[in-house]
Amino acid sequence: MEAIITTRNLHKIFLMGDEKVHALNDVNLEIYKQEFIAILGTSGSGKSTLLNMLAGLEKPTKGEIDIGGIRLDQLNERQLTMFRQKNIGFVFQSYHLIPTLTALENVSLGLIFKGVPHAEREAMAKEMLIKVGLKQRMRHKPSELSGGQQQRVSIARAFVDKPRIVFADEPTGNLDTRTSKEVMELIMDMAQTYKQTLVMVTHDPQTAAFADRVFHITDGKLEKIVHQKGVTK
C-alpha cells in the first residue's frame, strides 16, 4: 500500500522553565492512502501534539513530516496555511462553530477563503448538510442545535471540499454513547465515499475500535501499532 503520511525521527520539545518536556520522542510512522488510523493515548500522552504536527498546525522541534511528497517541516507559515486549505479537513471535539452563523454559513465559510463563488459554495454546503442528515436544520444557529447536530455541522464543514486527509480530534468526546456511534459511522462513511485518509485522536478504546489500525502513544513515544481490519504493511 502507498503511504500518504510518513514521519521520521519526529520530536517535539517544550521548555517549562529550565525543564525540557518531550511531548513527542522519536516517532516514526506510516499512514496509507484511504486508511482510518486512531491515535490512542491518555491525557498528556502526546497524541494531540502528534495530530497537530501531522496537520501542519505545529512545527516539530526536529524530524521529518512527509505528506504526499511534501515536507511539512520545511514549509513556512504561509505555505502551511495554503497546504491545509488545499489538502486537509478538521473535526474538533468542541465543534468550533461560529455562534452567530447558521449551519449553512458555518459549512460554507471556509470555501470563501478558497475563492469559491457564492452560489457554488452554498450549493456545496447544502449538499453536505443533507448528507449528514441536517436538511431541516440548515438555517439554525449552533445554539439551536443539539451537541450531536453541532458535530454533524463540524463534519460537514470538514468534508465539504473533499480534502485528501481529514483529521479528527476527540470527535465524540462531548457526546453520549448512542450519538458517538452515529457520529463515528457518519465520519467513516464520508471518508470511504470520498476515498479519504482519516486520522483520529482519542482516549477511548471503544472509539478507536472503529479504525483500521490503532497507534498507541505513551509519554510521547509510539509504543505499539495494533492491526484491526486486515491492513498490512
Protein backbone atom coordinates (compact mmCIF):
# COMPACT_ATOMS: atom_id res chain seq x y z
CA MET A 1 0.00 0.00 0.00
CA GLU A 2 1.11 3.57 -0.69
CA ALA A 3 1.93 5.79 2.27
CA ILE A 4 0.39 9.26 2.21
CA ILE A 5 1.83 10.36 5.60
CA THR A 6 5.32 9.49 6.85
CA THR A 7 7.24 10.75 9.87
CA ARG A 8 10.92 10.16 10.58
CA ASN A 9 12.55 10.71 13.99
CA LEU A 10 9.84 13.19 14.96
CA HIS A 11 10.47 15.16 18.16
CA LYS A 12 8.60 17.96 19.90
CA ILE A 13 10.21 19.54 22.96
CA PHE A 14 8.58 22.21 25.11
CA LEU A 15 10.50 24.33 27.60
CA MET A 16 8.85 24.72 31.02
CA GLY A 17 11.21 26.95 32.96
CA ASP A 18 14.55 25.15 32.89
CA GLU A 19 12.95 21.78 32.21
CA LYS A 20 12.60 20.18 28.77
CA VAL A 21 9.37 18.26 28.21
CA HIS A 22 9.47 15.70 25.39
CA ALA A 23 5.90 15.79 24.08
CA LEU A 24 6.99 13.60 21.15
CA ASN A 25 10.07 11.42 21.31
CA ASP A 26 11.42 9.89 18.09
CA VAL A 27 8.10 8.98 16.44
CA ASN A 28 8.35 7.04 13.18
CA LEU A 29 5.18 6.02 11.37
CA GLU A 30 3.47 5.49 8.03
CA ILE A 31 -0.19 6.05 7.24
CA TYR A 32 -1.57 4.71 3.98
CA LYS A 33 -3.99 6.23 1.48
CA GLN A 34 -7.68 5.78 2.41
CA GLU A 35 -6.74 4.25 5.76
CA PHE A 36 -8.51 5.04 9.02
CA ILE A 37 -5.98 5.49 11.84
CA ALA A 38 -6.74 6.04 15.52
CA ILE A 39 -4.07 7.58 17.72
CA LEU A 40 -4.89 6.31 21.21
CA GLY A 41 -3.49 7.61 24.48
CA THR A 42 -4.30 9.12 27.83
CA SER A 43 -4.29 12.83 28.59
CA GLY A 44 -0.73 14.16 28.29
CA SER A 45 0.50 11.20 26.23
CA GLY A 46 1.38 13.37 23.22
CA LYS A 47 -1.43 12.21 20.96
CA SER A 48 -2.87 15.68 20.28
CA THR A 49 0.61 17.08 19.74
CA LEU A 50 1.21 14.36 17.15
CA LEU A 51 -2.08 15.18 15.41
CA ASN A 52 -1.17 18.87 15.31
CA MET A 53 2.23 18.01 13.81
CA LEU A 54 0.64 15.86 11.09
CA ALA A 55 -1.94 18.54 10.30
CA GLY A 56 0.70 21.26 9.98
CA LEU A 57 -0.66 23.19 12.96
CA GLU A 58 2.61 22.93 14.92
CA LYS A 59 6.23 22.70 13.85
CA PRO A 60 8.37 19.81 15.09
CA THR A 61 11.50 20.52 17.12
CA LYS A 62 13.29 18.12 14.81
CA GLY A 63 12.44 15.31 12.42
CA GLU A 64 10.55 14.97 9.15
CA ILE A 65 6.87 15.00 8.21
CA ASP A 66 6.11 14.00 4.62
CA ILE A 67 2.55 14.21 3.27
CA GLY A 68 2.12 13.19 -0.35
CA GLY A 69 5.72 14.02 -1.15
CA ILE A 70 5.65 17.43 0.55
CA ARG A 71 7.89 18.05 3.57
CA LEU A 72 5.69 19.93 6.04
CA ASP A 73 8.63 20.54 8.38
CA GLN A 74 10.30 22.62 5.66
CA LEU A 75 7.32 24.90 4.90
CA ASN A 76 6.88 28.41 6.27
CA GLU A 77 3.60 29.54 7.90
CA ARG A 78 2.10 30.89 4.69
CA GLN A 79 2.93 27.69 2.82
CA LEU A 80 1.47 25.60 5.64
CA THR A 81 -1.74 27.62 5.54
CA MET A 82 -2.06 27.05 1.79
CA PHE A 83 -1.29 23.35 2.21
CA ARG A 84 -4.02 22.95 4.85
CA GLN A 85 -6.55 24.81 2.71
CA LYS A 86 -5.92 22.53 -0.25
CA ASN A 87 -5.49 19.16 1.45
CA ILE A 88 -6.89 18.96 4.98
CA GLY A 89 -10.22 18.92 6.81
CA PHE A 90 -10.53 19.07 10.60
CA VAL A 91 -13.22 17.82 13.00
CA PHE A 92 -12.90 19.24 16.53
CA GLN A 93 -14.15 17.90 19.85
CA SER A 94 -15.74 21.24 20.76
CA TYR A 95 -17.16 21.81 17.24
CA HIS A 96 -15.60 25.32 16.85
CA LEU A 97 -18.69 26.69 15.14
CA ILE A 98 -19.26 30.45 14.89
CA PRO A 99 -22.32 31.09 17.09
CA THR A 100 -23.69 33.99 15.04
CA LEU A 101 -23.74 31.99 11.80
CA THR A 102 -26.23 29.37 10.64
CA ALA A 103 -25.22 25.77 9.94
CA LEU A 104 -25.16 26.59 6.23
CA GLU A 105 -22.95 29.63 6.77
CA ASN A 106 -20.57 27.72 9.07
CA VAL A 107 -20.07 24.99 6.48
CA SER A 108 -19.59 27.36 3.56
CA LEU A 109 -17.34 29.84 5.39
CA GLY A 110 -14.05 28.09 4.64
CA LEU A 111 -14.90 28.00 0.94
CA ILE A 112 -14.84 31.81 0.84
CA PHE A 113 -11.09 31.79 1.55
CA LYS A 114 -10.61 29.34 -1.30
CA GLY A 115 -12.28 31.69 -3.75
CA VAL A 116 -15.36 29.54 -4.40
CA PRO A 117 -18.19 31.71 -5.82
CA HIS A 118 -21.20 32.30 -3.54
CA ALA A 119 -23.73 30.19 -5.43
CA GLU A 120 -21.31 27.28 -5.75
CA ARG A 121 -20.23 27.27 -2.12
CA GLU A 122 -23.84 27.46 -0.92
CA ALA A 123 -24.75 24.52 -3.15
CA MET A 124 -21.76 22.53 -1.84
CA ALA A 125 -22.66 23.32 1.78
CA LYS A 126 -26.32 22.37 1.26
CA GLU A 127 -25.34 19.07 -0.35
CA MET A 128 -23.06 18.21 2.55
CA LEU A 129 -25.58 19.16 5.24
CA ILE A 130 -28.13 16.91 3.54
CA LYS A 131 -25.60 14.07 3.57
CA VAL A 132 -25.08 14.45 7.33
CA GLY A 133 -28.83 14.46 7.96
CA LEU A 134 -29.39 18.17 8.63
CA LYS A 135 -31.62 19.11 5.70
CA GLN A 136 -34.17 20.68 8.05
CA ARG A 137 -31.56 22.46 10.19
CA MET A 138 -29.54 24.43 7.65
CA ARG A 139 -30.83 27.82 8.82
CA HIS A 140 -30.38 27.07 12.51
CA LYS A 141 -27.59 28.58 14.57
CA PRO A 142 -25.42 26.42 16.89
CA SER A 143 -27.42 27.39 19.99
CA GLU A 144 -30.50 25.90 18.33
CA LEU A 145 -28.80 22.54 17.69
CA SER A 146 -28.00 19.60 19.94
CA GLY A 147 -24.41 18.53 20.55
CA GLY A 148 -24.73 15.72 18.03
CA GLN A 149 -26.18 18.09 15.44
CA GLN A 150 -23.39 20.61 16.02
CA GLN A 151 -20.84 17.86 15.48
CA ARG A 152 -22.60 16.93 12.22
CA VAL A 153 -22.18 20.54 11.10
CA SER A 154 -18.49 20.28 12.02
CA ILE A 155 -18.22 17.08 9.98
CA ALA A 156 -19.95 18.70 7.00
CA ARG A 157 -17.53 21.63 7.22
CA ALA A 158 -14.51 19.29 7.28
CA PHE A 159 -15.68 17.26 4.28
CA VAL A 160 -17.34 19.98 2.17
CA ASP A 161 -14.48 20.43 -0.31
CA LYS A 162 -13.47 16.75 -0.17
CA PRO A 163 -9.91 17.11 1.19
CA ARG A 164 -7.40 14.30 0.81
CA ILE A 165 -6.97 13.89 4.58
CA VAL A 166 -9.38 14.50 7.46
CA PHE A 167 -8.06 14.88 11.00
CA ALA A 168 -10.46 14.37 13.91
CA ASP A 169 -9.53 15.46 17.44
CA GLU A 170 -11.66 13.55 20.00
CA PRO A 171 -14.73 13.89 17.70
CA THR A 172 -17.03 12.06 20.14
CA GLY A 173 -15.58 13.44 23.38
CA ASN A 174 -18.62 15.58 24.17
CA LEU A 175 -21.28 13.12 23.03
CA ASP A 176 -23.31 10.34 24.65
CA THR A 177 -22.73 6.70 23.68
CA ARG A 178 -25.52 6.41 21.09
CA THR A 179 -24.67 9.72 19.42
CA SER A 180 -20.95 8.84 19.47
CA LYS A 181 -21.64 5.67 17.49
CA GLU A 182 -23.76 7.59 14.97
CA VAL A 183 -21.05 10.23 14.53
CA MET A 184 -18.29 7.64 14.08
CA GLU A 185 -20.32 5.74 11.49
CA LEU A 186 -21.01 9.01 9.68
CA ILE A 187 -17.34 10.04 9.62
CA MET A 188 -16.30 6.60 8.36
CA ASP A 189 -18.97 6.57 5.66
CA MET A 190 -17.95 10.02 4.44
CA ALA A 191 -14.26 9.11 4.31
CA GLN A 192 -15.00 5.89 2.41
CA THR A 193 -17.33 7.65 -0.02
CA TYR A 194 -14.74 10.27 -0.93
CA LYS A 195 -11.75 7.88 -0.71
CA GLN A 196 -10.03 9.91 2.00
CA THR A 197 -7.47 9.17 4.66
CA LEU A 198 -8.85 9.62 8.18
CA VAL A 199 -6.65 10.22 11.24
CA MET A 200 -8.35 10.45 14.63
CA VAL A 201 -7.11 11.14 18.15
CA THR A 202 -8.99 9.55 21.04
CA HIS A 203 -8.54 8.43 24.64
CA ASP A 204 -11.40 5.92 24.28
CA PRO A 205 -10.61 2.32 23.22
CA GLN A 206 -14.22 1.83 22.08
CA THR A 207 -13.94 4.75 19.68
CA ALA A 208 -10.53 3.53 18.49
CA ALA A 209 -12.11 0.15 17.71
CA PHE A 210 -13.64 1.67 14.55
CA ALA A 211 -10.19 2.21 12.99
CA ASP A 212 -8.15 0.03 10.65
CA ARG A 213 -5.08 0.43 12.86
CA VAL A 214 -4.51 1.90 16.30
CA PHE A 215 -1.30 3.75 17.19
CA HIS A 216 -0.76 3.59 20.94
CA ILE A 217 1.07 6.67 22.28
CA THR A 218 2.62 6.74 25.76
CA ASP A 219 4.81 9.56 27.10
CA GLY A 220 5.43 10.88 23.61
CA LYS A 221 6.51 7.52 22.19
CA LEU A 222 4.79 5.24 19.71
CA GLU A 223 4.58 2.12 21.87
CA LYS A 224 2.77 -0.25 19.52
CA ILE A 225 0.57 -0.49 16.43
CA VAL A 226 -2.47 -2.76 16.53
CA HIS A 227 -3.92 -4.00 13.23
CA GLN A 228 -7.68 -4.39 13.44
CA LYS A 229 -9.15 -4.72 9.95
CA GLY A 230 -6.71 -6.58 7.80
CA VAL A 231 -4.46 -3.65 6.96
CA THR A 232 -0.98 -4.99 6.28
CA LYS A 233 2.25 -3.10 6.00
